[in-house]
Amino acid sequence: MIFVYFILIILIPIWAQMKVKSAYKKYSKVASSSQMSGREVARRVLDSNGLYDVSVEETRGVLSDHYDPRSKVVRLSTENYHGHSVAAAAIAAHEVGHAIQDQQEYSFLRFRSALVPVASFGSNASWIFIMIGIFARLDGMLLLGIILMAAGVLFQFVTLPVEFNASNRAMDQVVSLGIIRNDEERETKKVLNAAALTYVAAAAVAVLELVRLLLIYTGMSRDE
């Protein structure tokens, strides 16, 4: 059973990453009919939603694209910033989806932002208490570590509706603005769905680890 568990927590993230890379590699070679670069797509969607104060910048790395709510900046990786592919358009629109969420004060985005310091502390500190609890056989210490870890798990779950909603907004925008044609919707959705798998995988792994620790805690409590 333990062997199966470790196989799952290793294979699930790898599988999700492979799906993302495969979809991105395939559709980054498919030119968008609009011939707009990722930067142009982002700027078009931002302006159509009145987000003139949000800038679009190039950032280093591969698939390092993100929206920074503090600086009001959509940052696109080099290939997506300059690229004219279906993948570049999908990812650019997705990140702008987060900017639209920010503008409209989307509740899950606000909740996730509020959880950041708690989840960050919990994720970093939880293992200290967990390891002490397991090796010193202190179930109270282990329980504290589990509670701290639960904050990180909650963050992973709140991230899911944020990401799926951003993708839905992206699809609505690129379709309504004519950035993609009807026959390109399927390819765009595949890119967005593959990216979403990474968040689903992260949440699944987090839950598996939390359940494992809860079982350890239950076993320790029974032994006392």
C-alpha atoms as a PDB file:
ATOM      1  CA  MET A   1       0.000   0.000   0.000  1.00  0.00           C
ATOM      2  CA  ILE A   2       2.836   2.382   0.879  1.00  0.00           C
ATOM      3  CA  PHE A   3       4.531   1.497  -2.414  1.00  0.00           C
ATOM      4  CA  VAL A   4       1.350   2.364  -4.361  1.00  0.00           C
ATOM      5  CA  TYR A   5       1.077   5.659  -2.479  1.00  0.00           C
ATOM      6  CA  PHE A   6       4.597   6.741  -3.365  1.00  0.00           C
ATOM      7  CA  ILE A   7       4.102   5.694  -6.973  1.00  0.00           C
ATOM      8  CA  LEU A   8       0.970   7.868  -7.131  1.00  0.00           C
ATOM      9  CA  ILE A   9       2.519  11.005  -5.653  1.00  0.00           C
ATOM     10  CA  ILE A  10       5.449  10.658  -8.057  1.00  0.00           C
ATOM     11  CA  LEU A  11       3.536   9.727 -11.203  1.00  0.00           C
ATOM     12  CA  ILE A  12       0.581  12.142 -10.907  1.00  0.00           C
ATOM     13  CA  PRO A  13       2.673  15.341 -11.179  1.00  0.00           C
ATOM     14  CA  ILE A  14       4.882  13.815 -13.891  1.00  0.00           C
ATOM     15  CA  TRP A  15       1.824  12.812 -15.909  1.00  0.00           C
ATOM     16  CA  ALA A  16       0.332  16.309 -15.578  1.00  0.00           C
ATOM     17  CA  GLN A  17       3.583  17.977 -16.646  1.00  0.00           C
ATOM     18  CA  MET A  18       3.867  15.663 -19.643  1.00  0.00           C
ATOM     19  CA  LYS A  19       0.326  16.558 -20.721  1.00  0.00           C
ATOM     20  CA  VAL A  20       1.079  20.278 -20.445  1.00  0.00           C
ATOM     21  CA  LYS A  21       4.369  20.065 -22.325  1.00  0.00           C
ATOM     22  CA  SER A  22       2.858  17.860 -25.021  1.00  0.00           C
ATOM     23  CA  ALA A  23      -0.102  20.183 -25.632  1.00  0.00           C
ATOM     24  CA  TYR A  24       2.069  23.281 -25.514  1.00  0.00           C
ATOM     25  CA  LYS A  25       4.674  21.842 -27.870  1.00  0.00           C
ATOM     26  CA  LYS A  26       1.999  20.777 -30.353  1.00  0.00           C
ATOM     27  CA  TYR A  27      -0.045  23.980 -30.410  1.00  0.00           C
ATOM     28  CA  SER A  28       2.885  26.371 -30.193  1.00  0.00           C
ATOM     29  CA  LYS A  29       3.573  25.191 -33.746  1.00  0.00           C
ATOM     30  CA  VAL A  30       0.018  25.933 -34.902  1.00  0.00           C
ATOM     31  CA  ALA A  31      -0.261  29.509 -36.140  1.00  0.00           C
ATOM     32  CA  SER A  32      -3.240  31.524 -34.952  1.00  0.00           C
ATOM     33  CA  SER A  33      -5.485  32.799 -37.727  1.00  0.00           C
ATOM     34  CA  SER A  34      -5.419  36.285 -36.201  1.00  0.00           C
ATOM     35  CA  GLN A  35      -1.616  36.412 -36.555  1.00  0.00           C
ATOM     36  CA  MET A  36      -1.510  38.300 -33.255  1.00  0.00           C
ATOM     37  CA  SER A  37       1.383  37.766 -30.898  1.00  0.00           C
ATOM     38  CA  GLY A  38       0.767  36.800 -27.285  1.00  0.00           C
ATOM     39  CA  ARG A  39       1.543  40.371 -26.279  1.00  0.00           C
ATOM     40  CA  GLU A  40      -0.977  41.731 -28.787  1.00  0.00           C
ATOM     41  CA  VAL A  41      -3.634  39.270 -27.613  1.00  0.00           C
ATOM     42  CA  ALA A  42      -3.087  40.261 -23.989  1.00  0.00           C
ATOM     43  CA  ARG A  43      -3.188  43.960 -24.833  1.00  0.00           C
ATOM     44  CA  ARG A  44      -6.337  43.564 -26.933  1.00  0.00           C
ATOM     45  CA  VAL A  45      -8.229  41.714 -24.197  1.00  0.00           C
ATOM     46  CA  LEU A  46      -7.008  44.092 -21.489  1.00  0.00           C
ATOM     47  CA  ASP A  47      -8.061  47.180 -23.437  1.00  0.00           C
ATOM     48  CA  SER A  48     -11.458  45.702 -24.341  1.00  0.00           C
ATOM     49  CA  ASN A  49     -12.099  45.318 -20.608  1.00  0.00           C
ATOM     50  CA  GLY A  50     -10.900  48.801 -19.722  1.00  0.00           C
ATOM     51  CA  LEU A  51      -7.717  47.556 -18.051  1.00  0.00           C
ATOM     52  CA  TYR A  52      -5.471  50.216 -19.534  1.00  0.00           C
ATOM     53  CA  ASP A  53      -3.433  50.427 -16.327  1.00  0.00           C
ATOM     54  CA  VAL A  54      -2.323  46.790 -16.593  1.00  0.00           C
ATOM     55  CA  SER A  55       0.891  46.418 -18.561  1.00  0.00           C
ATOM     56  CA  VAL A  56       2.222  43.430 -20.510  1.00  0.00           C
ATOM     57  CA  GLU A  57       5.857  42.470 -20.061  1.00  0.00           C
ATOM     58  CA  GLU A  58       8.208  39.764 -21.280  1.00  0.00           C
ATOM     59  CA  THR A  59       9.710  37.447 -18.667  1.00  0.00           C
ATOM     60  CA  ARG A  60      12.364  34.759 -18.783  1.00  0.00           C
ATOM     61  CA  GLY A  61      11.738  31.057 -18.620  1.00  0.00           C
ATOM     62  CA  VAL A  62       9.459  28.534 -20.292  1.00  0.00           C
ATOM     63  CA  LEU A  63       5.789  28.625 -19.311  1.00  0.00           C
ATOM     64  CA  SER A  64       6.662  31.176 -16.622  1.00  0.00           C
ATOM     65  CA  ASP A  65       3.619  33.237 -17.606  1.00  0.00           C
ATOM     66  CA  HIS A  66       1.678  34.842 -14.750  1.00  0.00           C
ATOM     67  CA  TYR A  67      -0.305  37.861 -13.627  1.00  0.00           C
ATOM     68  CA  ASP A  68       1.136  39.985 -10.820  1.00  0.00           C
ATOM     69  CA  PRO A  69      -1.780  41.678  -9.005  1.00  0.00           C
ATOM     70  CA  ARG A  70       0.512  43.851  -6.901  1.00  0.00           C
ATOM     71  CA  SER A  71       2.287  45.430  -9.887  1.00  0.00           C
ATOM     72  CA  LYS A  72      -0.711  45.123 -12.234  1.00  0.00           C
ATOM     73  CA  VAL A  73       1.422  43.367 -14.830  1.00  0.00           C
ATOM     74  CA  VAL A  74       0.763  40.409 -17.118  1.00  0.00           C
ATOM     75  CA  ARG A  75       4.113  38.689 -17.652  1.00  0.00           C
ATOM     76  CA  LEU A  76       4.509  36.367 -20.610  1.00  0.00           C
ATOM     77  CA  SER A  77       7.417  34.035 -21.299  1.00  0.00           C
ATOM     78  CA  THR A  78       9.490  34.954 -24.340  1.00  0.00           C
ATOM     79  CA  GLU A  79       7.970  32.357 -26.667  1.00  0.00           C
ATOM     80  CA  ASN A  80       4.434  33.376 -25.773  1.00  0.00           C
ATOM     81  CA  TYR A  81       5.166  37.104 -25.712  1.00  0.00           C
ATOM     82  CA  HIS A  82       6.454  37.082 -29.296  1.00  0.00           C
ATOM     83  CA  GLY A  83       4.733  33.945 -30.587  1.00  0.00           C
ATOM     84  CA  HIS A  84       1.777  33.993 -32.978  1.00  0.00           C
ATOM     85  CA  SER A  85       0.547  30.507 -32.142  1.00  0.00           C
ATOM     86  CA  VAL A  86      -2.712  29.152 -30.752  1.00  0.00           C
ATOM     87  CA  ALA A  87      -0.835  28.225 -27.558  1.00  0.00           C
ATOM     88  CA  ALA A  88       0.539  31.754 -27.138  1.00  0.00           C
ATOM     89  CA  ALA A  89      -2.927  33.269 -27.608  1.00  0.00           C
ATOM     90  CA  ALA A  90      -4.513  30.835 -25.132  1.00  0.00           C
ATOM     91  CA  ILE A  91      -1.933  31.383 -22.407  1.00  0.00           C
ATOM     92  CA  ALA A  92      -1.896  35.172 -22.858  1.00  0.00           C
ATOM     93  CA  ALA A  93      -5.685  35.303 -22.617  1.00  0.00           C
ATOM     94  CA  HIS A  94      -5.622  33.046 -19.537  1.00  0.00           C
ATOM     95  CA  GLU A  95      -3.276  35.384 -17.679  1.00  0.00           C
ATOM     96  CA  VAL A  96      -5.442  38.350 -18.627  1.00  0.00           C
ATOM     97  CA  GLY A  97      -8.331  36.331 -17.206  1.00  0.00           C
ATOM     98  CA  HIS A  98      -6.637  36.729 -13.821  1.00  0.00           C
ATOM     99  CA  ALA A  99      -6.373  40.471 -14.370  1.00  0.00           C
ATOM    100  CA  ILE A 100     -10.109  40.599 -15.078  1.00  0.00           C
ATOM    101  CA  GLN A 101     -10.743  38.595 -11.905  1.00  0.00           C
ATOM    102  CA  ASP A 102      -8.674  41.148 -10.009  1.00  0.00           C
ATOM    103  CA  GLN A 103     -10.619  44.035 -11.540  1.00  0.00           C
ATOM    104  CA  GLN A 104     -13.960  42.441 -10.667  1.00  0.00           C
ATOM    105  CA  GLU A 105     -12.787  41.355  -7.205  1.00  0.00           C
ATOM    106  CA  TYR A 106     -13.499  37.707  -7.909  1.00  0.00           C
ATOM    107  CA  SER A 107     -14.173  36.136  -4.494  1.00  0.00           C
ATOM    108  CA  PHE A 108     -11.975  33.044  -4.870  1.00  0.00           C
ATOM    109  CA  LEU A 109      -9.044  35.159  -6.055  1.00  0.00           C
ATOM    110  CA  ARG A 110      -9.443  37.418  -3.018  1.00  0.00           C
ATOM    111  CA  PHE A 111      -9.684  34.393  -0.741  1.00  0.00           C
ATOM    112  CA  ARG A 112      -6.580  32.829  -2.282  1.00  0.00           C
ATOM    113  CA  SER A 113      -4.609  36.063  -1.884  1.00  0.00           C
ATOM    114  CA  ALA A 114      -5.627  36.210   1.779  1.00  0.00           C
ATOM    115  CA  LEU A 115      -4.456  32.609   2.231  1.00  0.00           C
ATOM    116  CA  VAL A 116      -0.973  33.190   0.771  1.00  0.00           C
ATOM    117  CA  PRO A 117       0.851  34.149   4.018  1.00  0.00           C
ATOM    118  CA  VAL A 118      -0.938  31.448   6.038  1.00  0.00           C
ATOM    119  CA  ALA A 119      -0.371  28.763   3.407  1.00  0.00           C
ATOM    120  CA  SER A 120       3.268  29.790   2.933  1.00  0.00           C
ATOM    121  CA  PHE A 121       4.002  29.595   6.655  1.00  0.00           C
ATOM    122  CA  GLY A 122       2.038  26.376   7.025  1.00  0.00           C
ATOM    123  CA  SER A 123       3.791  24.642   4.124  1.00  0.00           C
ATOM    124  CA  ASN A 124       7.248  25.628   5.368  1.00  0.00           C
ATOM    125  CA  ALA A 125       6.729  25.019   9.086  1.00  0.00           C
ATOM    126  CA  SER A 126       4.460  21.982   8.998  1.00  0.00           C
ATOM    127  CA  TRP A 127       7.201  19.452   8.300  1.00  0.00           C
ATOM    128  CA  ILE A 128       9.209  20.573  11.330  1.00  0.00           C
ATOM    129  CA  PHE A 129       6.324  19.670  13.635  1.00  0.00           C
ATOM    130  CA  ILE A 130       5.438  16.569  11.625  1.00  0.00           C
ATOM    131  CA  MET A 131       8.962  15.129  11.798  1.00  0.00           C
ATOM    132  CA  ILE A 132       9.286  15.909  15.511  1.00  0.00           C
ATOM    133  CA  GLY A 133       5.873  14.367  16.128  1.00  0.00           C
ATOM    134  CA  ILE A 134       6.659  11.159  14.206  1.00  0.00           C
ATOM    135  CA  PHE A 135      10.163  10.518  15.543  1.00  0.00           C
ATOM    136  CA  ALA A 136       9.460  11.639  19.119  1.00  0.00           C
ATOM    137  CA  ARG A 137       6.071   9.895  19.107  1.00  0.00           C
ATOM    138  CA  LEU A 138       4.337  13.129  20.097  1.00  0.00           C
ATOM    139  CA  ASP A 139       0.869  12.982  18.558  1.00  0.00           C
ATOM    140  CA  GLY A 140       0.049  16.551  19.623  1.00  0.00           C
ATOM    141  CA  MET A 141       3.071  17.865  17.713  1.00  0.00           C
ATOM    142  CA  LEU A 142       2.117  15.767  14.692  1.00  0.00           C
ATOM    143  CA  LEU A 143      -1.447  17.096  14.822  1.00  0.00           C
ATOM    144  CA  LEU A 144      -0.153  20.682  14.849  1.00  0.00           C
ATOM    145  CA  GLY A 145       1.930  19.919  11.770  1.00  0.00           C
ATOM    146  CA  ILE A 146      -1.088  18.399  10.050  1.00  0.00           C
ATOM    147  CA  ILE A 147      -3.201  21.490  10.806  1.00  0.00           C
ATOM    148  CA  LEU A 148      -0.491  23.722   9.342  1.00  0.00           C
ATOM    149  CA  MET A 149      -0.260  21.502   6.269  1.00  0.00           C
ATOM    150  CA  ALA A 150      -4.048  21.665   5.880  1.00  0.00           C
ATOM    151  CA  ALA A 151      -3.706  25.407   5.221  1.00  0.00           C
ATOM    152  CA  GLY A 152      -1.525  24.604   2.218  1.00  0.00           C
ATOM    153  CA  VAL A 153      -3.997  21.990   1.012  1.00  0.00           C
ATOM    154  CA  LEU A 154      -6.820  24.518   1.306  1.00  0.00           C
ATOM    155  CA  PHE A 155      -4.765  26.928  -0.805  1.00  0.00           C
ATOM    156  CA  GLN A 156      -4.389  24.255  -3.493  1.00  0.00           C
ATOM    157  CA  PHE A 157      -8.155  23.695  -3.564  1.00  0.00           C
ATOM    158  CA  VAL A 158      -8.990  27.414  -3.704  1.00  0.00           C
ATOM    159  CA  THR A 159      -6.552  27.712  -6.612  1.00  0.00           C
ATOM    160  CA  LEU A 160      -8.653  25.317  -8.719  1.00  0.00           C
ATOM    161  CA  PRO A 161     -11.732  27.556  -9.224  1.00  0.00           C
ATOM    162  CA  VAL A 162      -9.417  30.535  -9.743  1.00  0.00           C
ATOM    163  CA  GLU A 163      -7.589  28.812 -12.580  1.00  0.00           C
ATOM    164  CA  PHE A 164     -10.649  27.233 -14.200  1.00  0.00           C
ATOM    165  CA  ASN A 165     -12.506  30.540 -14.057  1.00  0.00           C
ATOM    166  CA  ALA A 166      -9.565  32.357 -15.660  1.00  0.00           C
ATOM    167  CA  SER A 167      -9.567  29.806 -18.485  1.00  0.00           C
ATOM    168  CA  ASN A 168     -13.319  30.220 -19.006  1.00  0.00           C
ATOM    169  CA  ARG A 169     -12.890  33.977 -19.140  1.00  0.00           C
ATOM    170  CA  ALA A 170     -10.040  33.538 -21.611  1.00  0.00           C
ATOM    171  CA  MET A 171     -12.188  31.453 -23.945  1.00  0.00           C
ATOM    172  CA  ASP A 172     -15.048  33.949 -23.765  1.00  0.00           C
ATOM    173  CA  GLN A 173     -12.714  36.824 -24.601  1.00  0.00           C
ATOM    174  CA  VAL A 174     -10.808  35.291 -27.515  1.00  0.00           C
ATOM    175  CA  VAL A 175     -14.057  34.067 -29.077  1.00  0.00           C
ATOM    176  CA  SER A 176     -16.086  37.269 -28.602  1.00  0.00           C
ATOM    177  CA  LEU A 177     -13.216  39.462 -29.830  1.00  0.00           C
ATOM    178  CA  GLY A 178     -12.619  37.283 -32.877  1.00  0.00           C
ATOM    179  CA  ILE A 179      -9.040  36.501 -31.854  1.00  0.00           C
ATOM    180  CA  ILE A 180      -9.593  32.836 -32.712  1.00  0.00           C
ATOM    181  CA  ARG A 181     -11.896  31.248 -35.254  1.00  0.00           C
ATOM    182  CA  ASN A 182     -14.544  28.685 -34.415  1.00  0.00           C
ATOM    183  CA  ASP A 183     -12.343  25.870 -35.700  1.00  0.00           C
ATOM    184  CA  GLU A 184      -9.569  26.961 -33.328  1.00  0.00           C
ATOM    185  CA  GLU A 185     -11.675  26.741 -30.175  1.00  0.00           C
ATOM    186  CA  ARG A 186     -10.954  23.026 -29.734  1.00  0.00           C
ATOM    187  CA  GLU A 187      -7.178  23.552 -29.874  1.00  0.00           C
ATOM    188  CA  THR A 188      -7.348  26.516 -27.506  1.00  0.00           C
ATOM    189  CA  LYS A 189      -9.357  24.513 -24.982  1.00  0.00           C
ATOM    190  CA  LYS A 190      -6.833  21.682 -25.137  1.00  0.00           C
ATOM    191  CA  VAL A 191      -4.013  24.056 -24.179  1.00  0.00           C
ATOM    192  CA  LEU A 192      -6.019  25.543 -21.312  1.00  0.00           C
ATOM    193  CA  ASN A 193      -7.249  22.149 -20.057  1.00  0.00           C
ATOM    194  CA  ALA A 194      -3.729  20.707 -20.083  1.00  0.00           C
ATOM    195  CA  ALA A 195      -2.447  23.646 -18.046  1.00  0.00           C
ATOM    196  CA  ALA A 196      -5.266  23.183 -15.545  1.00  0.00           C
ATOM    197  CA  LEU A 197      -4.191  19.565 -14.989  1.00  0.00           C
ATOM    198  CA  THR A 198      -1.071  20.737 -13.161  1.00  0.00           C
ATOM    199  CA  TYR A 199      -3.229  22.401 -10.497  1.00  0.00           C
ATOM    200  CA  VAL A 200      -5.510  19.382 -10.234  1.00  0.00           C
ATOM    201  CA  ALA A 201      -2.453  17.134  -9.838  1.00  0.00           C
ATOM    202  CA  ALA A 202      -0.962  19.377  -7.156  1.00  0.00           C
ATOM    203  CA  ALA A 203      -4.235  19.335  -5.217  1.00  0.00           C
ATOM    204  CA  ALA A 204      -4.519  15.544  -5.530  1.00  0.00           C
ATOM    205  CA  VAL A 205      -0.974  14.988  -4.248  1.00  0.00           C
ATOM    206  CA  ALA A 206      -1.546  17.408  -1.361  1.00  0.00           C
ATOM    207  CA  VAL A 207      -4.698  15.539  -0.314  1.00  0.00           C
ATOM    208  CA  LEU A 208      -2.958  12.149  -0.521  1.00  0.00           C
ATOM    209  CA  GLU A 209      -0.164  13.373   1.726  1.00  0.00           C
ATOM    210  CA  LEU A 210      -2.612  14.883   4.202  1.00  0.00           C
ATOM    211  CA  VAL A 211      -4.605  11.628   4.365  1.00  0.00           C
ATOM    212  CA  ARG A 212      -1.413   9.615   4.913  1.00  0.00           C
ATOM    213  CA  LEU A 213      -0.399  11.825   7.829  1.00  0.00           C
ATOM    214  CA  LEU A 214      -3.870  11.657   9.334  1.00  0.00           C
ATOM    215  CA  LEU A 215      -3.659   7.849   9.238  1.00  0.00           C
ATOM    216  CA  ILE A 216      -0.282   8.001  10.973  1.00  0.00           C
ATOM    217  CA  TYR A 217      -1.741  10.326  13.619  1.00  0.00           C
ATOM    218  CA  THR A 218      -4.726   8.011  14.143  1.00  0.00           C
ATOM    219  CA  GLY A 219      -2.397   5.043  14.548  1.00  0.00           C
ATOM    220  CA  MET A 220      -0.232   6.900  17.073  1.00  0.00           C
ATOM    221  CA  SER A 221      -3.279   7.954  19.086  1.00  0.00           C
ATOM    222  CA  ARG A 222      -4.541   4.367  19.251  1.00  0.00           C
ATOM    223  CA  ASP A 223      -1.185   3.069  20.458  1.00  0.00           C
ATOM    224  CA  GLU A 224      -1.208   5.370  23.490  1.00  0.00           C
END
